[in-house]
Every structure is written in C-alpha cells, then in structure tokens.
Amino acid sequence: MISGMIPEAGCDMPEEETGIRRIFKGWTLKINEINEKYKNPRLKMTPLVRASLLILRLYLIFLVIVLMYKFYTVVSFR
C-alpha cells in the first residue's frame, strides 16, 4: 500500500468504514485538502495569457470532439 494514502487515526471518518471505502474516503479527503490549498491562484496573469489559455482549452475540447466523432464513425460504419 502507498504510504500516506490511508487516513490516519485522527481523521474525520467513522470507525466502521474499512477496506476500499476507507481508502477512497481518504483519497477524497486528501484531494479536498489539496484543492483548498490551491483554491486561489498565486500568479498574476496578463490578459494575453488568459486569452492563450482559453484558446488552448477550446482547442482541447475541439480535439476531444473530433476524437469522439472519429470513434463514432469507425464503430457505426463497420
């Protein structure tokens, strides 16, 4: 088992949770802790950087749509 992934004795989980549920609950708590830590950005972004990131996001969405379309056409026309 990976160290640090299972919650410690002092966490907010009931005693009766064991096994996989306990592991996933621990991971969820850890992810929530990390998300809370990095909630506010530490870097100042210029408008050009924000626009560039927006364009990259839209391009990524476009690529995913093209990939799904290609998958659909290959599967449906066999």
Protein backbone atom coordinates (compact mmCIF):
# COMPACT_ATOMS: atom_id res chain seq x y z
CA MET A 1 0.00 0.00 0.00
CA ILE A 2 1.23 3.53 -0.77
CA SER A 3 2.21 5.36 2.39
CA GLY A 4 0.23 8.47 3.20
CA MET A 5 -2.83 7.38 1.20
CA ILE A 6 -4.78 5.76 4.04
CA PRO A 7 -6.17 8.25 6.55
CA GLU A 8 -4.62 8.37 9.99
CA ALA A 9 -6.39 7.59 13.25
CA GLY A 10 -7.26 11.25 13.91
CA CYS A 11 -9.26 11.82 10.71
CA ASP A 12 -13.00 12.52 10.42
CA MET A 13 -14.01 9.00 9.35
CA PRO A 14 -16.19 6.65 11.39
CA GLU A 15 -14.52 3.51 12.80
CA GLU A 16 -16.83 1.10 10.92
CA GLU A 17 -15.59 2.12 7.44
CA THR A 18 -12.98 -0.33 6.24
CA GLY A 19 -11.47 -1.63 3.02
CA ILE A 20 -11.91 0.10 -0.29
CA ARG A 21 -14.44 2.60 1.02
CA ARG A 22 -11.92 3.75 3.65
CA ILE A 23 -9.17 4.10 1.05
CA PHE A 24 -11.34 6.15 -1.34
CA LYS A 25 -12.62 8.30 1.51
CA GLY A 26 -9.01 9.00 2.49
CA TRP A 27 -8.11 9.91 -1.08
CA THR A 28 -11.15 12.19 -1.29
CA LEU A 29 -10.18 13.95 1.92
CA LYS A 30 -6.61 14.39 0.65
CA ILE A 31 -7.79 15.75 -2.71
CA ASN A 32 -10.17 18.17 -0.98
CA GLU A 33 -7.30 19.36 1.22
CA ILE A 34 -5.08 19.98 -1.83
CA ASN A 35 -7.90 21.74 -3.71
CA GLU A 36 -8.49 24.01 -0.72
CA LYS A 37 -4.78 24.85 -0.53
CA TYR A 38 -4.58 25.87 -4.20
CA LYS A 39 -8.03 27.46 -4.47
CA ASN A 40 -6.66 30.95 -5.07
CA PRO A 41 -4.02 31.39 -7.79
CA ARG A 42 -0.65 32.73 -6.66
CA LEU A 43 0.35 34.10 -10.07
CA LYS A 44 -0.96 37.20 -11.77
CA MET A 45 -1.98 36.50 -15.35
CA THR A 46 -2.00 39.11 -18.08
CA PRO A 47 -4.96 39.28 -20.43
CA LEU A 48 -2.82 37.77 -23.19
CA VAL A 49 -2.03 34.74 -21.01
CA ARG A 50 -5.70 34.32 -20.12
CA ALA A 51 -6.68 34.51 -23.79
CA SER A 52 -4.00 31.97 -24.71
CA LEU A 53 -5.21 29.55 -22.04
CA LEU A 54 -8.80 29.98 -23.23
CA ILE A 55 -7.75 29.22 -26.82
CA LEU A 56 -5.87 26.13 -25.63
CA ARG A 57 -8.92 24.92 -23.69
CA LEU A 58 -11.16 25.40 -26.70
CA TYR A 59 -8.64 23.58 -28.91
CA LEU A 60 -8.56 20.68 -26.45
CA ILE A 61 -12.36 20.47 -26.44
CA PHE A 62 -12.30 20.55 -30.26
CA LEU A 63 -9.79 17.68 -30.34
CA VAL A 64 -11.90 15.61 -27.95
CA ILE A 65 -14.98 16.20 -30.13
CA VAL A 66 -13.06 15.16 -33.25
CA LEU A 67 -11.81 12.05 -31.45
CA MET A 68 -15.34 11.11 -30.36
CA TYR A 69 -16.64 11.72 -33.90
CA LYS A 70 -13.91 9.52 -35.36
CA PHE A 71 -14.70 6.78 -32.85
CA TYR A 72 -18.41 7.01 -33.67
CA THR A 73 -17.83 6.82 -37.43
CA VAL A 74 -15.44 3.87 -37.15
CA VAL A 75 -17.76 1.92 -34.84
CA SER A 76 -21.03 2.70 -36.60
CA PHE A 77 -19.94 2.05 -40.21
CA ARG A 78 -18.46 -1.43 -39.78
